[in-house]
Amino acid sequence: MAELSRCTIIPTLRYRDANAAIEFLCNAFGFDRHLVVPGPDNTVAHAQLRFGNGMIMLGSASNEGDYGNYVRPPQPPDRINTQGLYIVVTDADAHCAQAKAGGAEILRPPADQDYGGRDYTCRDLEGHIWSFGTYDPWM
């Protein structure tokens, strides 16, 4: 059985400009750099960003290898996603204000949910969909 003090599911993302994405995710969403491995030509070979006891991994979309054949950033013009990420925060309204000030596109403003908690949904600088809310399914 997995330890509850450590995150055992870690989403992975690709960005066209991973360096800009790291700055955005840290400034707008409050992630912390855990590890950033530079790649050739100002790319990111691999990065790990923390939020509480959670983590995401990301890299440049231009990285070579099999994984890059299957995972790409959302493509313009519609930027459709096949998944979204949900992050537990203590104050959805304050987090939304920080995200908006950092350049996130707010798709659904903070609202109370019937199942409990308050959350909002936004799009990051390259189109990935994120939801942040106070509902904690572990509690």
N, C-alpha and C. Protein backbone atom coordinates (compact mmCIF):
# COMPACT_ATOMS: atom_id res chain seq x y z
N MET A 1 0.85 -1.19 0.00
CA MET A 1 0.00 0.00 0.00
C MET A 1 0.89 1.25 0.00
N ALA A 2 0.52 2.25 -0.78
CA ALA A 2 1.31 3.47 -0.91
C ALA A 2 1.22 4.32 0.36
N GLU A 3 2.30 5.00 0.67
CA GLU A 3 2.30 5.94 1.79
C GLU A 3 1.46 7.15 1.43
N LEU A 4 0.69 7.64 2.38
CA LEU A 4 -0.15 8.80 2.11
C LEU A 4 0.62 10.11 2.17
N SER A 5 1.83 10.11 2.73
CA SER A 5 2.59 11.34 2.83
C SER A 5 3.31 11.70 1.53
N ARG A 6 3.21 10.82 0.56
CA ARG A 6 3.92 11.02 -0.70
C ARG A 6 2.93 10.83 -1.85
N CYS A 7 3.06 11.64 -2.85
CA CYS A 7 2.19 11.56 -4.02
C CYS A 7 2.63 10.38 -4.89
N THR A 8 1.69 9.51 -5.24
CA THR A 8 2.04 8.34 -6.06
C THR A 8 1.53 8.46 -7.49
N ILE A 9 0.76 9.48 -7.79
CA ILE A 9 0.33 9.75 -9.17
C ILE A 9 0.89 11.11 -9.54
N ILE A 10 1.71 11.14 -10.59
CA ILE A 10 2.38 12.38 -10.98
C ILE A 10 2.06 12.68 -12.44
N PRO A 11 1.20 13.68 -12.69
CA PRO A 11 0.90 14.04 -14.08
C PRO A 11 2.13 14.55 -14.81
N THR A 12 2.20 14.26 -16.10
CA THR A 12 3.31 14.73 -16.94
C THR A 12 2.75 15.55 -18.09
N LEU A 13 3.43 16.64 -18.40
CA LEU A 13 2.97 17.58 -19.42
C LEU A 13 4.11 17.92 -20.36
N ARG A 14 3.77 18.31 -21.57
CA ARG A 14 4.74 18.83 -22.54
C ARG A 14 4.35 20.26 -22.87
N TYR A 15 5.36 21.11 -23.03
CA TYR A 15 5.17 22.52 -23.38
C TYR A 15 6.08 22.89 -24.54
N ARG A 16 5.58 23.73 -25.44
CA ARG A 16 6.41 24.23 -26.54
C ARG A 16 7.56 25.07 -25.99
N ASP A 17 7.27 25.90 -24.96
CA ASP A 17 8.31 26.69 -24.30
C ASP A 17 8.29 26.31 -22.82
N ALA A 18 8.99 25.24 -22.49
CA ALA A 18 8.96 24.71 -21.12
C ALA A 18 9.57 25.67 -20.12
N ASN A 19 10.58 26.44 -20.53
CA ASN A 19 11.16 27.42 -19.60
C ASN A 19 10.13 28.47 -19.20
N ALA A 20 9.38 28.99 -20.17
CA ALA A 20 8.32 29.95 -19.87
C ALA A 20 7.22 29.30 -19.03
N ALA A 21 6.91 28.04 -19.31
CA ALA A 21 5.88 27.32 -18.55
C ALA A 21 6.28 27.17 -17.09
N ILE A 22 7.54 26.87 -16.83
CA ILE A 22 8.00 26.74 -15.45
C ILE A 22 7.84 28.05 -14.70
N GLU A 23 8.24 29.16 -15.33
CA GLU A 23 8.07 30.48 -14.72
C GLU A 23 6.59 30.75 -14.43
N PHE A 24 5.74 30.48 -15.43
CA PHE A 24 4.30 30.70 -15.28
C PHE A 24 3.74 29.85 -14.14
N LEU A 25 4.03 28.56 -14.14
CA LEU A 25 3.46 27.65 -13.14
C LEU A 25 3.90 28.04 -11.73
N CYS A 26 5.12 28.51 -11.58
CA CYS A 26 5.59 28.95 -10.27
C CYS A 26 4.96 30.28 -9.85
N ASN A 27 4.90 31.24 -10.76
CA ASN A 27 4.37 32.56 -10.43
C ASN A 27 2.85 32.59 -10.34
N ALA A 28 2.17 32.02 -11.31
CA ALA A 28 0.71 32.11 -11.36
C ALA A 28 0.02 31.09 -10.46
N PHE A 29 0.58 29.88 -10.37
CA PHE A 29 -0.09 28.80 -9.64
C PHE A 29 0.55 28.46 -8.30
N GLY A 30 1.78 28.90 -8.06
CA GLY A 30 2.41 28.66 -6.78
C GLY A 30 3.23 27.37 -6.68
N PHE A 31 3.60 26.79 -7.81
CA PHE A 31 4.48 25.62 -7.78
C PHE A 31 5.88 26.03 -7.36
N ASP A 32 6.65 25.08 -6.85
CA ASP A 32 8.06 25.27 -6.51
C ASP A 32 8.90 24.35 -7.37
N ARG A 33 10.05 24.86 -7.81
CA ARG A 33 10.99 24.02 -8.57
C ARG A 33 11.59 22.96 -7.65
N HIS A 34 11.51 21.72 -8.06
CA HIS A 34 12.14 20.61 -7.34
C HIS A 34 13.39 20.17 -8.10
N LEU A 35 13.27 20.08 -9.42
CA LEU A 35 14.39 19.69 -10.28
C LEU A 35 14.11 20.22 -11.68
N VAL A 36 15.10 20.86 -12.28
CA VAL A 36 15.01 21.30 -13.68
C VAL A 36 16.29 20.88 -14.36
N VAL A 37 16.15 20.03 -15.39
CA VAL A 37 17.30 19.54 -16.15
C VAL A 37 17.28 20.22 -17.51
N PRO A 38 18.24 21.10 -17.79
CA PRO A 38 18.26 21.77 -19.09
C PRO A 38 18.53 20.78 -20.22
N GLY A 39 17.94 21.08 -21.37
CA GLY A 39 18.19 20.32 -22.58
C GLY A 39 18.94 21.17 -23.58
N PRO A 40 19.17 20.64 -24.76
CA PRO A 40 19.88 21.41 -25.79
C PRO A 40 19.03 22.57 -26.31
N ASP A 41 19.70 23.61 -26.77
CA ASP A 41 19.04 24.75 -27.43
C ASP A 41 17.95 25.39 -26.57
N ASN A 42 18.24 25.61 -25.29
CA ASN A 42 17.33 26.28 -24.36
C ASN A 42 16.02 25.52 -24.14
N THR A 43 16.06 24.20 -24.24
CA THR A 43 14.88 23.38 -23.93
C THR A 43 15.02 22.84 -22.51
N VAL A 44 13.98 22.15 -22.07
CA VAL A 44 13.99 21.49 -20.77
C VAL A 44 13.88 20.00 -21.02
N ALA A 45 14.92 19.27 -20.65
CA ALA A 45 14.91 17.82 -20.82
C ALA A 45 13.91 17.18 -19.86
N HIS A 46 13.86 17.69 -18.62
CA HIS A 46 12.96 17.15 -17.60
C HIS A 46 12.86 18.15 -16.47
N ALA A 47 11.66 18.34 -15.94
CA ALA A 47 11.48 19.20 -14.77
C ALA A 47 10.46 18.57 -13.84
N GLN A 48 10.66 18.81 -12.56
CA GLN A 48 9.73 18.37 -11.52
C GLN A 48 9.37 19.59 -10.69
N LEU A 49 8.07 19.87 -10.60
CA LEU A 49 7.59 21.01 -9.82
C LEU A 49 6.67 20.48 -8.72
N ARG A 50 6.81 21.04 -7.51
CA ARG A 50 6.01 20.60 -6.36
C ARG A 50 4.92 21.60 -6.03
N PHE A 51 3.83 21.05 -5.50
CA PHE A 51 2.75 21.84 -4.91
C PHE A 51 2.26 21.04 -3.72
N GLY A 52 2.55 21.51 -2.51
CA GLY A 52 2.23 20.72 -1.33
C GLY A 52 2.95 19.38 -1.41
N ASN A 53 2.23 18.27 -1.20
CA ASN A 53 2.87 16.96 -1.33
C ASN A 53 2.63 16.37 -2.72
N GLY A 54 2.16 17.20 -3.65
CA GLY A 54 1.95 16.77 -5.03
C GLY A 54 3.08 17.24 -5.93
N MET A 55 3.11 16.68 -7.12
CA MET A 55 4.16 17.01 -8.07
C MET A 55 3.65 16.84 -9.49
N ILE A 56 4.18 17.64 -10.39
CA ILE A 56 4.02 17.42 -11.82
C ILE A 56 5.40 17.31 -12.43
N MET A 57 5.49 16.64 -13.55
CA MET A 57 6.73 16.60 -14.32
C MET A 57 6.42 17.19 -15.69
N LEU A 58 7.40 17.85 -16.28
CA LEU A 58 7.20 18.43 -17.59
C LEU A 58 8.49 18.48 -18.36
N GLY A 59 8.36 18.70 -19.64
CA GLY A 59 9.52 18.85 -20.51
C GLY A 59 9.12 19.58 -21.77
N SER A 60 10.12 19.89 -22.57
CA SER A 60 9.89 20.58 -23.83
C SER A 60 9.25 19.63 -24.84
N ALA A 61 8.29 20.14 -25.58
CA ALA A 61 7.60 19.34 -26.59
C ALA A 61 8.55 18.90 -27.69
N SER A 62 9.64 19.63 -27.87
CA SER A 62 10.58 19.30 -28.94
C SER A 62 11.53 18.17 -28.57
N ASN A 63 11.47 17.70 -27.33
CA ASN A 63 12.36 16.60 -26.92
C ASN A 63 12.12 15.38 -27.80
N GLU A 64 13.20 14.74 -28.17
CA GLU A 64 13.09 13.53 -28.98
C GLU A 64 12.77 12.34 -28.08
N GLY A 65 12.35 11.26 -28.70
CA GLY A 65 12.06 10.04 -27.95
C GLY A 65 10.64 9.59 -28.15
N ASP A 66 10.39 8.36 -27.80
CA ASP A 66 9.07 7.77 -28.00
C ASP A 66 7.96 8.51 -27.27
N TYR A 67 8.21 8.95 -26.04
CA TYR A 67 7.17 9.60 -25.25
C TYR A 67 6.61 10.83 -25.97
N GLY A 68 7.48 11.57 -26.61
CA GLY A 68 7.06 12.76 -27.36
C GLY A 68 6.14 12.46 -28.53
N ASN A 69 6.11 11.21 -28.98
CA ASN A 69 5.18 10.82 -30.04
C ASN A 69 3.75 10.69 -29.54
N TYR A 70 3.59 10.59 -28.22
CA TYR A 70 2.27 10.34 -27.64
C TYR A 70 1.71 11.50 -26.83
N VAL A 71 2.56 12.37 -26.33
CA VAL A 71 2.12 13.47 -25.48
C VAL A 71 2.58 14.78 -26.08
N ARG A 72 1.62 15.66 -26.35
CA ARG A 72 1.92 16.97 -26.93
C ARG A 72 1.07 18.03 -26.23
N PRO A 73 1.50 19.28 -26.28
CA PRO A 73 0.66 20.34 -25.71
C PRO A 73 -0.61 20.51 -26.55
N PRO A 74 -1.67 21.06 -25.96
CA PRO A 74 -2.88 21.34 -26.73
C PRO A 74 -2.54 22.20 -27.95
N GLN A 75 -3.16 21.89 -29.07
CA GLN A 75 -2.84 22.57 -30.33
C GLN A 75 -3.85 23.67 -30.65
N PRO A 76 -3.37 24.83 -31.09
CA PRO A 76 -4.29 25.87 -31.57
C PRO A 76 -5.03 25.38 -32.81
N PRO A 77 -6.18 25.88 -33.15
CA PRO A 77 -6.82 27.01 -32.49
C PRO A 77 -7.73 26.61 -31.33
N ASP A 78 -8.24 25.38 -31.28
CA ASP A 78 -9.22 25.03 -30.24
C ASP A 78 -8.59 24.58 -28.93
N ARG A 79 -7.34 24.14 -28.93
CA ARG A 79 -6.60 23.73 -27.75
C ARG A 79 -7.37 22.73 -26.88
N ILE A 80 -8.01 21.76 -27.53
CA ILE A 80 -8.77 20.74 -26.81
C ILE A 80 -7.81 19.91 -25.95
N ASN A 81 -8.24 19.60 -24.74
CA ASN A 81 -7.50 18.76 -23.80
C ASN A 81 -8.23 17.43 -23.66
N THR A 82 -7.50 16.38 -23.40
CA THR A 82 -8.14 15.09 -23.12
C THR A 82 -8.17 14.80 -21.63
N GLN A 83 -7.63 15.72 -20.83
CA GLN A 83 -7.68 15.59 -19.38
C GLN A 83 -7.45 16.96 -18.77
N GLY A 84 -7.78 17.08 -17.51
CA GLY A 84 -7.49 18.28 -16.76
C GLY A 84 -6.85 17.89 -15.44
N LEU A 85 -6.26 18.85 -14.78
CA LEU A 85 -5.63 18.60 -13.49
C LEU A 85 -6.41 19.33 -12.40
N TYR A 86 -6.63 18.66 -11.27
CA TYR A 86 -7.29 19.28 -10.12
C TYR A 86 -6.29 19.35 -8.97
N ILE A 87 -6.15 20.55 -8.39
CA ILE A 87 -5.22 20.79 -7.31
C ILE A 87 -5.99 21.34 -6.11
N VAL A 88 -5.77 20.76 -4.93
CA VAL A 88 -6.43 21.21 -3.71
C VAL A 88 -5.71 22.44 -3.17
N VAL A 89 -6.47 23.51 -2.91
CA VAL A 89 -5.94 24.74 -2.32
C VAL A 89 -6.80 25.12 -1.12
N THR A 90 -6.28 25.98 -0.27
CA THR A 90 -7.04 26.39 0.92
C THR A 90 -8.02 27.52 0.62
N ASP A 91 -7.74 28.34 -0.40
CA ASP A 91 -8.59 29.49 -0.72
C ASP A 91 -8.68 29.63 -2.24
N ALA A 92 -9.77 29.14 -2.81
CA ALA A 92 -9.92 29.16 -4.27
C ALA A 92 -9.99 30.58 -4.83
N ASP A 93 -10.62 31.50 -4.12
CA ASP A 93 -10.74 32.88 -4.61
C ASP A 93 -9.38 33.57 -4.67
N ALA A 94 -8.59 33.43 -3.61
CA ALA A 94 -7.26 34.05 -3.59
C ALA A 94 -6.36 33.41 -4.64
N HIS A 95 -6.46 32.09 -4.78
CA HIS A 95 -5.63 31.41 -5.78
C HIS A 95 -6.02 31.85 -7.19
N CYS A 96 -7.31 32.01 -7.43
CA CYS A 96 -7.80 32.46 -8.73
C CYS A 96 -7.26 33.87 -9.04
N ALA A 97 -7.28 34.74 -8.06
CA ALA A 97 -6.76 36.09 -8.27
C ALA A 97 -5.27 36.05 -8.61
N GLN A 98 -4.50 35.19 -7.94
CA GLN A 98 -3.08 35.03 -8.23
C GLN A 98 -2.88 34.48 -9.63
N ALA A 99 -3.66 33.48 -10.01
CA ALA A 99 -3.54 32.88 -11.34
C ALA A 99 -3.87 33.89 -12.43
N LYS A 100 -4.95 34.64 -12.23
CA LYS A 100 -5.35 35.65 -13.21
C LYS A 100 -4.27 36.73 -13.34
N ALA A 101 -3.73 37.18 -12.22
CA ALA A 101 -2.67 38.19 -12.25
C ALA A 101 -1.42 37.65 -12.95
N GLY A 102 -1.20 36.33 -12.86
CA GLY A 102 -0.05 35.71 -13.50
C GLY A 102 -0.25 35.37 -14.96
N GLY A 103 -1.45 35.64 -15.49
CA GLY A 103 -1.70 35.44 -16.91
C GLY A 103 -2.56 34.26 -17.28
N ALA A 104 -3.12 33.54 -16.30
CA ALA A 104 -4.01 32.42 -16.60
C ALA A 104 -5.32 32.94 -17.18
N GLU A 105 -5.87 32.19 -18.11
CA GLU A 105 -7.19 32.51 -18.67
C GLU A 105 -8.24 31.81 -17.80
N ILE A 106 -9.06 32.58 -17.11
CA ILE A 106 -10.07 32.00 -16.22
C ILE A 106 -11.25 31.56 -17.09
N LEU A 107 -11.51 30.25 -17.08
CA LEU A 107 -12.60 29.69 -17.88
C LEU A 107 -13.89 29.60 -17.08
N ARG A 108 -13.78 29.32 -15.80
CA ARG A 108 -14.93 29.21 -14.91
C ARG A 108 -14.52 29.83 -13.59
N PRO A 109 -15.13 30.95 -13.20
CA PRO A 109 -14.72 31.64 -11.98
C PRO A 109 -15.05 30.82 -10.73
N PRO A 110 -14.49 31.19 -9.58
CA PRO A 110 -14.76 30.45 -8.36
C PRO A 110 -16.26 30.33 -8.08
N ALA A 111 -16.65 29.12 -7.70
CA ALA A 111 -18.05 28.84 -7.39
C ALA A 111 -18.13 27.71 -6.38
N ASP A 112 -19.16 27.77 -5.53
CA ASP A 112 -19.42 26.69 -4.59
C ASP A 112 -20.01 25.52 -5.35
N GLN A 113 -19.61 24.31 -4.97
CA GLN A 113 -20.06 23.10 -5.65
C GLN A 113 -21.03 22.31 -4.78
N ASP A 114 -22.00 21.63 -5.39
CA ASP A 114 -22.98 20.83 -4.67
C ASP A 114 -22.33 19.72 -3.85
N TYR A 115 -21.22 19.18 -4.33
CA TYR A 115 -20.55 18.08 -3.65
C TYR A 115 -19.63 18.57 -2.53
N GLY A 116 -19.53 19.89 -2.35
CA GLY A 116 -18.69 20.48 -1.33
C GLY A 116 -17.51 21.20 -1.94
N GLY A 117 -17.04 22.19 -1.23
CA GLY A 117 -15.87 22.93 -1.69
C GLY A 117 -16.22 24.03 -2.67
N ARG A 118 -15.20 24.78 -3.00
CA ARG A 118 -15.30 25.91 -3.93
C ARG A 118 -14.13 25.77 -4.89
N ASP A 119 -14.40 25.94 -6.19
CA ASP A 119 -13.30 25.78 -7.14
C ASP A 119 -13.47 26.68 -8.35
N TYR A 120 -12.43 26.72 -9.15
CA TYR A 120 -12.44 27.45 -10.42
C TYR A 120 -11.60 26.68 -11.42
N THR A 121 -11.78 27.01 -12.71
CA THR A 121 -11.04 26.34 -13.78
C THR A 121 -10.40 27.40 -14.66
N CYS A 122 -9.16 27.10 -15.09
CA CYS A 122 -8.44 28.05 -15.94
C CYS A 122 -7.60 27.30 -16.97
N ARG A 123 -7.04 28.07 -17.88
CA ARG A 123 -6.16 27.55 -18.92
C ARG A 123 -4.79 28.20 -18.73
N ASP A 124 -3.72 27.41 -18.81
CA ASP A 124 -2.39 27.99 -18.65
C ASP A 124 -1.91 28.62 -19.96
N LEU A 125 -0.68 29.09 -19.99
CA LEU A 125 -0.18 29.84 -21.13
C LEU A 125 -0.12 29.05 -22.43
N GLU A 126 -0.15 27.71 -22.36
CA GLU A 126 -0.14 26.91 -23.59
C GLU A 126 -1.41 26.10 -23.78
N GLY A 127 -2.40 26.30 -22.91
CA GLY A 127 -3.70 25.69 -23.14
C GLY A 127 -4.06 24.51 -22.27
N HIS A 128 -3.18 24.06 -21.37
CA HIS A 128 -3.53 22.97 -20.46
C HIS A 128 -4.62 23.47 -19.50
N ILE A 129 -5.55 22.59 -19.15
CA ILE A 129 -6.68 22.94 -18.28
C ILE A 129 -6.37 22.54 -16.84
N TRP A 130 -6.59 23.48 -15.93
CA TRP A 130 -6.33 23.29 -14.51
C TRP A 130 -7.56 23.70 -13.72
N SER A 131 -7.89 22.94 -12.69
CA SER A 131 -8.91 23.34 -11.72
C SER A 131 -8.26 23.36 -10.34
N PHE A 132 -8.59 24.36 -9.57
CA PHE A 132 -8.08 24.52 -8.21
C PHE A 132 -9.28 24.69 -7.30
N GLY A 133 -9.31 23.95 -6.21
CA GLY A 133 -10.46 24.06 -5.33
C GLY A 133 -10.19 23.60 -3.92
N THR A 134 -11.14 23.91 -3.05
CA THR A 134 -11.02 23.57 -1.64
C THR A 134 -11.54 22.17 -1.32
N TYR A 135 -12.24 21.54 -2.24
CA TYR A 135 -12.72 20.18 -2.00
C TYR A 135 -11.53 19.23 -1.98
N ASP A 136 -11.39 18.52 -0.86
CA ASP A 136 -10.30 17.56 -0.72
C ASP A 136 -10.92 16.16 -0.62
N PRO A 137 -10.83 15.36 -1.67
CA PRO A 137 -11.47 14.05 -1.64
C PRO A 137 -10.87 13.09 -0.61
N TRP A 138 -9.71 13.41 -0.04
CA TRP A 138 -9.09 12.56 0.98
C TRP A 138 -9.69 12.80 2.35
N MET A 139 -10.37 13.91 2.54
CA MET A 139 -10.91 14.25 3.87
C MET A 139 -12.29 13.67 4.06
